[in-house]
Amino acid sequence: MPFIQINIIEGRTPEKKERLIREVTDKVADILESPVQNVRVMINEMPPEHWGIAGESVKRRNEQEAKGVRS
């Protein structure tokens, strides 16, 4: 039974998450030749202050980008 975990920053619409689940399920089932009924997908959403890039939270990077500090 394939079990896929996806980590994303929160903020996507429910419709986008439904599409992600559907398309990942279909692709995994196809590649692994597994029935779609056996595929499990879990989306873990994190706030931007809990996700870091290059020693800085995504929240701070987004704030700096909005101020024009970051290109």
N, C-alpha and C. Protein backbone atom coordinates (compact mmCIF):
# COMPACT_ATOMS: atom_id res chain seq x y z
N MET A 1 0.84 -1.17 0.00
CA MET A 1 0.00 0.00 0.00
C MET A 1 0.89 1.24 0.00
N PRO A 2 0.94 1.99 -1.10
CA PRO A 2 1.74 3.22 -1.15
C PRO A 2 1.16 4.29 -0.22
N PHE A 3 2.04 4.93 0.53
CA PHE A 3 1.66 6.02 1.43
C PHE A 3 2.56 7.20 1.12
N ILE A 4 1.98 8.28 0.61
CA ILE A 4 2.74 9.45 0.18
C ILE A 4 2.46 10.60 1.13
N GLN A 5 3.54 11.23 1.63
CA GLN A 5 3.41 12.41 2.48
C GLN A 5 3.94 13.61 1.71
N ILE A 6 3.16 14.68 1.73
CA ILE A 6 3.53 15.90 1.02
C ILE A 6 3.55 17.04 2.04
N ASN A 7 4.68 17.72 2.14
CA ASN A 7 4.80 18.87 3.04
C ASN A 7 4.72 20.15 2.21
N ILE A 8 3.77 21.02 2.59
CA ILE A 8 3.62 22.29 1.89
C ILE A 8 3.38 23.40 2.92
N ILE A 9 3.62 24.63 2.48
CA ILE A 9 3.28 25.78 3.30
C ILE A 9 1.78 26.02 3.17
N GLU A 10 1.14 26.30 4.27
CA GLU A 10 -0.31 26.50 4.25
C GLU A 10 -0.70 27.66 3.36
N GLY A 11 -1.95 27.60 2.91
CA GLY A 11 -2.47 28.70 2.11
C GLY A 11 -3.10 28.27 0.79
N ARG A 12 -2.96 27.00 0.42
CA ARG A 12 -3.59 26.55 -0.83
C ARG A 12 -5.08 26.36 -0.60
N THR A 13 -5.85 26.52 -1.65
CA THR A 13 -7.30 26.33 -1.54
C THR A 13 -7.63 24.85 -1.40
N PRO A 14 -8.79 24.55 -0.82
CA PRO A 14 -9.21 23.15 -0.74
C PRO A 14 -9.27 22.49 -2.12
N GLU A 15 -9.66 23.25 -3.14
CA GLU A 15 -9.73 22.70 -4.49
C GLU A 15 -8.35 22.29 -5.00
N LYS A 16 -7.33 23.09 -4.72
CA LYS A 16 -5.97 22.74 -5.15
C LYS A 16 -5.47 21.50 -4.42
N LYS A 17 -5.80 21.39 -3.15
CA LYS A 17 -5.36 20.20 -2.39
C LYS A 17 -6.08 18.95 -2.88
N GLU A 18 -7.36 19.08 -3.22
CA GLU A 18 -8.10 17.94 -3.78
C GLU A 18 -7.47 17.51 -5.10
N ARG A 19 -7.11 18.48 -5.93
CA ARG A 19 -6.46 18.16 -7.21
C ARG A 19 -5.12 17.48 -6.99
N LEU A 20 -4.35 18.00 -6.05
CA LEU A 20 -3.05 17.41 -5.72
C LEU A 20 -3.22 15.95 -5.29
N ILE A 21 -4.15 15.69 -4.39
CA ILE A 21 -4.40 14.33 -3.92
C ILE A 21 -4.80 13.43 -5.09
N ARG A 22 -5.71 13.90 -5.92
CA ARG A 22 -6.20 13.10 -7.05
C ARG A 22 -5.07 12.78 -8.03
N GLU A 23 -4.31 13.81 -8.42
CA GLU A 23 -3.28 13.60 -9.44
C GLU A 23 -2.10 12.79 -8.92
N VAL A 24 -1.71 13.00 -7.67
CA VAL A 24 -0.64 12.19 -7.08
C VAL A 24 -1.09 10.74 -6.98
N THR A 25 -2.32 10.54 -6.54
CA THR A 25 -2.85 9.17 -6.45
C THR A 25 -2.83 8.48 -7.80
N ASP A 26 -3.34 9.16 -8.82
CA ASP A 26 -3.36 8.57 -10.16
C ASP A 26 -1.97 8.24 -10.66
N LYS A 27 -1.02 9.15 -10.48
CA LYS A 27 0.34 8.94 -10.97
C LYS A 27 1.03 7.80 -10.23
N VAL A 28 0.90 7.76 -8.92
CA VAL A 28 1.53 6.69 -8.14
C VAL A 28 0.91 5.34 -8.49
N ALA A 29 -0.40 5.30 -8.61
CA ALA A 29 -1.07 4.05 -8.98
C ALA A 29 -0.58 3.56 -10.34
N ASP A 30 -0.42 4.47 -11.28
CA ASP A 30 0.04 4.12 -12.61
C ASP A 30 1.49 3.60 -12.58
N ILE A 31 2.37 4.35 -11.96
CA ILE A 31 3.79 3.97 -11.94
C ILE A 31 4.02 2.68 -11.18
N LEU A 32 3.36 2.52 -10.03
CA LEU A 32 3.58 1.33 -9.20
C LEU A 32 2.64 0.18 -9.55
N GLU A 33 1.78 0.41 -10.53
CA GLU A 33 0.79 -0.59 -10.93
C GLU A 33 0.00 -1.09 -9.71
N SER A 34 -0.51 -0.12 -8.97
CA SER A 34 -1.26 -0.39 -7.75
C SER A 34 -2.68 0.14 -7.93
N PRO A 35 -3.67 -0.54 -7.38
CA PRO A 35 -5.03 0.00 -7.46
C PRO A 35 -5.11 1.35 -6.73
N VAL A 36 -5.85 2.29 -7.29
CA VAL A 36 -5.97 3.60 -6.64
C VAL A 36 -6.53 3.47 -5.22
N GLN A 37 -7.33 2.45 -5.00
CA GLN A 37 -7.91 2.25 -3.67
C GLN A 37 -6.84 1.98 -2.60
N ASN A 38 -5.67 1.56 -3.02
CA ASN A 38 -4.60 1.25 -2.08
C ASN A 38 -3.66 2.43 -1.82
N VAL A 39 -3.81 3.50 -2.57
CA VAL A 39 -2.91 4.65 -2.45
C VAL A 39 -3.42 5.60 -1.38
N ARG A 40 -2.52 6.00 -0.48
CA ARG A 40 -2.85 6.95 0.58
C ARG A 40 -1.98 8.19 0.39
N VAL A 41 -2.59 9.36 0.53
CA VAL A 41 -1.86 10.62 0.40
C VAL A 41 -2.16 11.46 1.64
N MET A 42 -1.11 11.97 2.27
CA MET A 42 -1.28 12.84 3.43
C MET A 42 -0.58 14.17 3.14
N ILE A 43 -1.32 15.25 3.28
CA ILE A 43 -0.75 16.59 3.11
C ILE A 43 -0.52 17.18 4.49
N ASN A 44 0.72 17.56 4.74
CA ASN A 44 1.09 18.26 5.97
C ASN A 44 1.28 19.73 5.63
N GLU A 45 0.45 20.57 6.22
CA GLU A 45 0.56 22.01 5.97
C GLU A 45 1.26 22.67 7.16
N MET A 46 2.20 23.55 6.85
CA MET A 46 2.93 24.25 7.88
C MET A 46 2.82 25.74 7.67
N PRO A 47 2.77 26.49 8.77
CA PRO A 47 2.78 27.94 8.62
C PRO A 47 4.15 28.40 8.12
N PRO A 48 4.21 29.51 7.42
CA PRO A 48 5.48 29.95 6.83
C PRO A 48 6.58 30.21 7.85
N GLU A 49 6.21 30.49 9.10
CA GLU A 49 7.24 30.70 10.11
C GLU A 49 7.85 29.39 10.60
N HIS A 50 7.30 28.26 10.19
CA HIS A 50 7.83 26.95 10.57
C HIS A 50 8.66 26.32 9.46
N TRP A 51 8.89 27.05 8.38
CA TRP A 51 9.62 26.52 7.23
C TRP A 51 10.78 27.46 6.95
N GLY A 52 12.00 26.94 6.92
CA GLY A 52 13.16 27.78 6.71
C GLY A 52 13.90 27.49 5.42
N ILE A 53 14.45 28.54 4.84
CA ILE A 53 15.29 28.44 3.64
C ILE A 53 16.52 29.29 3.90
N ALA A 54 17.68 28.70 3.78
CA ALA A 54 18.95 29.42 3.93
C ALA A 54 19.01 30.18 5.26
N GLY A 55 18.55 29.54 6.33
CA GLY A 55 18.66 30.12 7.66
C GLY A 55 17.64 31.18 8.00
N GLU A 56 16.57 31.25 7.23
CA GLU A 56 15.57 32.29 7.42
C GLU A 56 14.18 31.70 7.16
N SER A 57 13.20 32.08 7.98
CA SER A 57 11.86 31.54 7.77
C SER A 57 11.26 32.08 6.47
N VAL A 58 10.38 31.30 5.89
CA VAL A 58 9.69 31.73 4.67
C VAL A 58 8.85 32.97 4.97
N LYS A 59 8.30 33.05 6.17
CA LYS A 59 7.53 34.23 6.54
C LYS A 59 8.39 35.49 6.44
N ARG A 60 9.57 35.45 7.01
CA ARG A 60 10.46 36.62 6.96
C ARG A 60 10.89 36.92 5.53
N ARG A 61 11.20 35.87 4.77
CA ARG A 61 11.61 36.07 3.37
C ARG A 61 10.49 36.73 2.57
N ASN A 62 9.24 36.29 2.80
CA ASN A 62 8.09 36.88 2.10
C ASN A 62 7.89 38.35 2.50
N GLU A 63 8.06 38.64 3.79
CA GLU A 63 7.92 40.02 4.26
C GLU A 63 8.98 40.92 3.62
N GLN A 64 10.21 40.44 3.55
CA GLN A 64 11.29 41.22 2.95
C GLN A 64 11.05 41.41 1.46
N GLU A 65 10.56 40.36 0.82
CA GLU A 65 10.27 40.46 -0.61
C GLU A 65 9.17 41.50 -0.86
N ALA A 66 8.15 41.52 0.00
CA ALA A 66 7.05 42.48 -0.15
C ALA A 66 7.54 43.92 0.03
N LYS A 67 8.57 44.10 0.86
CA LYS A 67 9.14 45.43 1.07
C LYS A 67 10.14 45.82 -0.02
N GLY A 68 10.44 44.87 -0.90
CA GLY A 68 11.39 45.14 -1.97
C GLY A 68 12.84 44.95 -1.56
N VAL A 69 13.06 44.33 -0.39
CA VAL A 69 14.42 44.11 0.11
C VAL A 69 15.08 42.98 -0.66
N ARG A 70 14.31 42.00 -1.07
CA ARG A 70 14.83 40.82 -1.74
C ARG A 70 14.38 40.85 -3.19
N SER A 71 15.26 40.46 -4.09
CA SER A 71 14.88 40.46 -5.51
C SER A 71 14.36 39.12 -5.94
